[in-house]
């Protein structure tokens, strides 16, 4: 049974059609990877799932609740069940690592300072950085910042973690650390993972299911093996990282 479902969702920004009658059901406990070129609507799907955008037509459901028609107060209850890893991490530069990770618990729970401190330590240990709570974000590497942002995303014990381009800007080794963390959190916390990426190494490593968008439509949907052996020329080129003749026009 689907935990999250988009039903016939269409979204435009002005004259630009970004999602064209998209239907997508996401199963609980699995890792679903959403692929596509820049501007294909990947992040727009995520924003519908967390209620930051509403469709022009269609419906968005979470665990049997229709969220695209909810008021903000109702929607906040749903959002507390999701963790979101933003593409840039979105840490507060004026706060320590510990304060960043503890921020959701401080804002949305009645936990005492001691309870929050213990929670922060558990989260930092989970992402393999138990000793950096006193540091400022500016003292961290790019990979460490992503990991701290991930620790913050699990602070409220979410059922779903949404990852927006989690390996962007990282070298292959640091990218693999993030991939391993995605797998660890899914395995140990029993979360549902939704990963938006154009990094095929990451997609093949973390995804139980891959979904590819192109010009507002889903053009391929299935296990990683389907993409490795794709016959659709658009999917084949994307997986291989090869531009077509139209995209290379004027370069030869």
Protein backbone atom coordinates (compact mmCIF):
# COMPACT_ATOMS: atom_id res chain seq x y z
CA UNK A 1 0.00 0.00 0.00
CA UNK A 2 1.31 3.44 -0.95
CA UNK A 3 2.45 5.72 1.86
CA UNK A 4 2.67 8.73 -0.48
CA UNK A 5 0.72 9.18 -3.66
CA UNK A 6 0.50 11.82 -6.37
CA UNK A 7 -2.64 11.42 -8.45
CA UNK A 8 -2.78 13.11 -11.86
CA UNK A 9 -0.73 16.07 -10.64
CA UNK A 10 -0.17 18.96 -13.04
CA UNK A 11 1.91 22.02 -12.21
CA UNK A 12 2.75 25.09 -14.29
CA UNK A 13 4.88 28.11 -13.57
CA UNK A 14 3.49 30.71 -15.93
CA UNK A 15 3.55 29.16 -19.40
CA UNK A 16 6.06 26.50 -18.37
CA UNK A 17 4.50 23.06 -17.84
CA UNK A 18 6.69 21.30 -15.25
CA UNK A 19 4.53 18.32 -14.21
CA UNK A 20 2.09 16.95 -16.75
CA UNK A 21 -0.60 14.71 -15.23
CA UNK A 22 1.91 12.81 -13.05
CA UNK A 23 0.77 9.80 -11.00
CA UNK A 24 3.27 8.26 -8.61
CA UNK A 25 2.76 5.91 -5.65
CA UNK A 26 5.62 5.51 -3.15
CA UNK A 27 5.74 2.37 -1.04
CA UNK A 28 6.59 2.51 2.66
CA UNK A 29 10.00 1.24 3.75
CA UNK A 30 11.54 1.41 0.29
CA UNK A 31 14.01 3.78 -1.35
CA UNK A 32 12.60 5.52 -4.41
CA UNK A 33 14.99 7.53 -6.57
CA UNK A 34 13.62 10.25 -8.87
CA UNK A 35 15.86 10.96 -11.85
CA UNK A 36 15.84 13.51 -14.63
CA UNK A 37 17.75 16.32 -16.26
CA UNK A 38 17.92 19.76 -14.68
CA UNK A 39 14.51 21.41 -14.92
CA UNK A 40 12.64 18.14 -15.41
CA UNK A 41 10.49 18.63 -12.30
CA UNK A 42 12.28 16.42 -9.76
CA UNK A 43 12.46 18.99 -6.98
CA UNK A 44 8.94 20.19 -7.80
CA UNK A 45 7.66 16.69 -7.00
CA UNK A 46 9.46 16.83 -3.63
CA UNK A 47 7.90 20.19 -2.83
CA UNK A 48 4.46 18.76 -3.50
CA UNK A 49 5.18 15.80 -1.23
CA UNK A 50 6.12 18.07 1.70
CA UNK A 51 3.36 20.57 0.96
CA UNK A 52 5.54 23.49 -0.10
CA UNK A 53 3.71 23.58 -3.44
CA UNK A 54 0.12 22.77 -4.36
CA UNK A 55 -0.83 21.26 -7.72
CA UNK A 56 -2.78 23.19 -10.31
CA UNK A 57 -4.82 20.01 -10.68
CA UNK A 58 -4.64 16.54 -9.17
CA UNK A 59 -4.21 15.29 -5.61
CA UNK A 60 -1.37 14.60 -3.15
CA UNK A 61 -1.86 12.00 -0.39
CA UNK A 62 0.22 11.02 2.64
CA UNK A 63 -0.74 7.95 4.68
CA UNK A 64 -4.40 8.21 3.68
CA UNK A 65 -4.58 11.98 4.21
CA UNK A 66 -5.04 14.39 1.33
CA UNK A 67 -2.45 17.10 2.00
CA UNK A 68 -2.81 19.47 -0.96
CA UNK A 69 -6.10 20.79 0.47
CA UNK A 70 -4.89 21.03 4.08
CA UNK A 71 -4.55 24.26 6.01
CA UNK A 72 -1.09 25.15 7.29
CA UNK A 73 -1.83 24.02 10.86
CA UNK A 74 -2.89 20.55 9.70
CA UNK A 75 0.00 20.37 7.28
CA UNK A 76 2.53 21.03 10.03
CA UNK A 77 1.49 17.79 11.74
CA UNK A 78 2.22 15.88 8.53
CA UNK A 79 5.54 17.65 7.96
CA UNK A 80 6.76 16.53 11.37
CA UNK A 81 6.60 12.98 10.01
CA UNK A 82 9.07 13.86 7.27
CA UNK A 83 12.76 14.75 7.36
CA UNK A 84 14.15 16.89 4.54
CA UNK A 85 17.78 17.08 3.47
CA UNK A 86 18.11 20.26 1.41
CA UNK A 87 20.55 20.37 -1.50
CA UNK A 88 22.86 22.86 0.20
CA UNK A 89 22.33 21.51 3.70
CA UNK A 90 20.69 24.78 4.85
CA UNK A 91 22.47 24.87 8.20
CA UNK A 92 22.24 28.01 10.35
CA UNK A 93 25.75 29.46 10.14
CA UNK A 94 25.35 31.39 13.40
CA UNK A 95 24.57 28.24 15.40
CA UNK A 96 26.87 25.44 16.53
CA UNK A 97 26.46 21.99 15.05
CA UNK A 98 24.71 20.83 18.23
CA UNK A 99 22.27 23.75 18.11
CA UNK A 100 21.54 23.07 14.44
CA UNK A 101 20.76 19.42 15.07
CA UNK A 102 18.71 20.17 18.17
CA UNK A 103 16.74 23.01 16.57
CA UNK A 104 13.71 20.91 15.42
CA UNK A 105 13.32 19.34 18.86
CA UNK A 106 13.63 22.73 20.56
CA UNK A 107 10.99 24.26 18.28
CA UNK A 108 8.50 21.40 18.05
CA UNK A 109 8.74 19.38 21.28
CA UNK A 110 8.68 19.97 25.03
CA UNK A 111 11.96 18.13 25.64
CA UNK A 112 14.25 19.54 28.31
CA UNK A 113 17.72 20.91 27.41
CA UNK A 114 19.28 17.70 28.79
CA UNK A 115 16.97 15.53 26.68
CA UNK A 116 17.75 17.59 23.58
CA UNK A 117 21.48 17.32 24.25
CA UNK A 118 21.17 13.52 24.49
CA UNK A 119 19.11 13.45 21.28
CA UNK A 120 21.72 15.55 19.46
CA UNK A 121 24.47 13.19 20.56
CA UNK A 122 22.51 10.17 19.30
CA UNK A 123 21.92 11.82 15.94
CA UNK A 124 25.55 12.86 15.53
CA UNK A 125 26.68 9.37 16.47
CA UNK A 126 24.28 7.92 13.90
CA UNK A 127 25.96 9.92 11.13
CA UNK A 128 29.45 9.07 12.38
CA UNK A 129 30.44 12.52 13.73
CA UNK A 130 29.87 12.30 17.49
CA UNK A 131 32.63 14.73 18.45
CA UNK A 132 31.77 17.87 16.43
CA UNK A 133 28.82 19.33 18.34
CA UNK A 134 30.74 22.43 19.48
CA UNK A 135 31.96 23.34 16.00
CA UNK A 136 30.42 25.98 13.74
CA UNK A 137 29.21 25.04 10.24
CA UNK A 138 31.94 27.22 8.71
CA UNK A 139 34.56 24.92 10.24
CA UNK A 140 33.19 21.85 8.45
CA UNK A 141 33.93 20.33 5.05
CA UNK A 142 31.16 20.07 2.48
CA UNK A 143 30.65 16.41 3.25
CA UNK A 144 30.47 17.05 6.98
CA UNK A 145 27.91 19.81 6.48
CA UNK A 146 25.70 17.40 4.52
CA UNK A 147 26.02 14.81 7.28
CA UNK A 148 25.12 17.34 9.99
CA UNK A 149 22.10 18.43 7.95
CA UNK A 150 21.13 14.77 7.74
CA UNK A 151 21.48 14.43 11.52
CA UNK A 152 19.11 17.39 11.89
CA UNK A 153 16.63 15.77 9.50
CA UNK A 154 16.28 12.70 11.75
CA UNK A 155 15.98 14.60 15.04
CA UNK A 156 12.18 14.26 15.22
CA UNK A 157 12.18 10.57 14.28
CA UNK A 158 10.64 10.92 10.80
CA UNK A 159 8.90 8.12 8.93
CA UNK A 160 10.10 9.51 5.60
CA UNK A 161 13.38 11.18 4.67
CA UNK A 162 13.42 13.28 1.51
CA UNK A 163 16.82 13.92 -0.07
CA UNK A 164 17.22 16.73 -2.62
CA UNK A 165 20.43 16.12 -4.63
CA UNK A 166 22.29 14.70 -1.59
CA UNK A 167 25.65 14.20 -3.35
CA UNK A 168 25.80 17.46 -5.32
CA UNK A 169 29.12 19.27 -4.86
CA UNK A 170 30.85 16.30 -3.25
CA UNK A 171 33.77 14.25 -4.56
CA UNK A 172 33.15 10.54 -5.30
CA UNK A 173 34.42 9.37 -1.90
CA UNK A 174 32.31 11.84 0.11
CA UNK A 175 29.36 11.03 -2.15
CA UNK A 176 29.71 7.36 -1.29
CA UNK A 177 29.70 8.22 2.43
CA UNK A 178 26.33 9.94 1.93
CA UNK A 179 25.04 6.95 -0.03
CA UNK A 180 26.06 4.62 2.79
CA UNK A 181 24.31 6.88 5.30
CA UNK A 182 21.10 6.80 3.24
CA UNK A 183 21.22 3.00 3.32
CA UNK A 184 22.06 2.95 7.04
CA UNK A 185 19.16 5.20 8.00
CA UNK A 186 16.72 3.22 5.90
CA UNK A 187 17.95 -0.03 7.45
CA UNK A 188 18.26 1.05 11.10
CA UNK A 189 15.45 3.60 11.38
CA UNK A 190 13.07 1.75 9.01
CA UNK A 191 12.35 4.96 7.12
CA UNK A 192 11.00 5.47 3.63
CA UNK A 193 13.57 7.24 1.45
CA UNK A 194 12.83 9.53 -1.50
CA UNK A 195 15.99 10.62 -3.29
CA UNK A 196 16.13 13.21 -6.06
CA UNK A 197 19.40 13.02 -7.97
CA UNK A 198 21.11 13.02 -11.34
CA UNK A 199 24.02 11.01 -9.91
CA UNK A 200 23.63 7.53 -11.43
CA UNK A 201 26.21 5.94 -9.12
CA UNK A 202 24.15 7.12 -6.18
CA UNK A 203 20.87 6.08 -7.79
CA UNK A 204 22.04 2.54 -8.46
CA UNK A 205 23.47 2.17 -4.96
CA UNK A 206 20.57 3.43 -2.86
CA UNK A 207 17.50 2.86 -5.00
CA UNK A 208 15.08 -0.06 -4.75
CA UNK A 209 13.10 1.69 -7.47
CA UNK A 210 14.09 4.34 -10.01
CA UNK A 211 11.69 6.78 -11.67
CA UNK A 212 12.75 9.03 -14.54
CA UNK A 213 11.09 12.30 -15.53
CA UNK A 214 11.33 13.87 -18.97
CA UNK A 215 9.37 16.91 -20.17
CA UNK A 216 6.89 16.64 -17.31
CA UNK A 217 6.15 12.93 -17.74
CA UNK A 218 7.38 9.70 -16.16
CA UNK A 219 9.13 7.85 -18.99
CA UNK A 220 10.63 4.93 -17.03
CA UNK A 221 9.80 3.34 -13.69
CA UNK A 222 11.23 0.17 -12.20
CA UNK A 223 14.17 -1.55 -10.48
CA UNK A 224 17.79 -0.51 -11.16
CA UNK A 225 18.23 -3.41 -13.59
CA UNK A 226 15.59 -1.92 -15.87
CA UNK A 227 17.69 1.25 -16.16
CA UNK A 228 20.97 -0.61 -16.61
CA UNK A 229 19.40 -2.42 -19.57
CA UNK A 230 17.25 0.45 -20.82
CA UNK A 231 15.99 0.44 -24.40
CA UNK A 232 14.44 3.92 -24.31
CA UNK A 233 17.09 6.12 -25.99
CA UNK A 234 16.48 9.05 -23.62
CA UNK A 235 16.97 6.83 -20.59
CA UNK A 236 20.03 5.13 -22.14
CA UNK A 237 21.74 8.47 -22.80
CA UNK A 238 20.94 9.76 -19.33
CA UNK A 239 22.35 6.66 -17.64
CA UNK A 240 25.48 6.80 -19.81
CA UNK A 241 25.84 10.58 -19.49
CA UNK A 242 25.77 11.14 -23.25
CA UNK A 243 24.34 14.24 -24.95
CA UNK A 244 22.29 13.85 -28.14
CA UNK A 245 22.96 15.57 -31.46
CA UNK A 246 20.51 18.38 -30.73
CA UNK A 247 22.27 19.20 -27.47
CA UNK A 248 25.66 19.14 -29.20
CA UNK A 249 24.53 21.39 -32.05
CA UNK A 250 27.07 24.13 -32.71
CA UNK A 251 29.87 22.39 -30.84
CA UNK A 252 31.17 20.34 -33.73
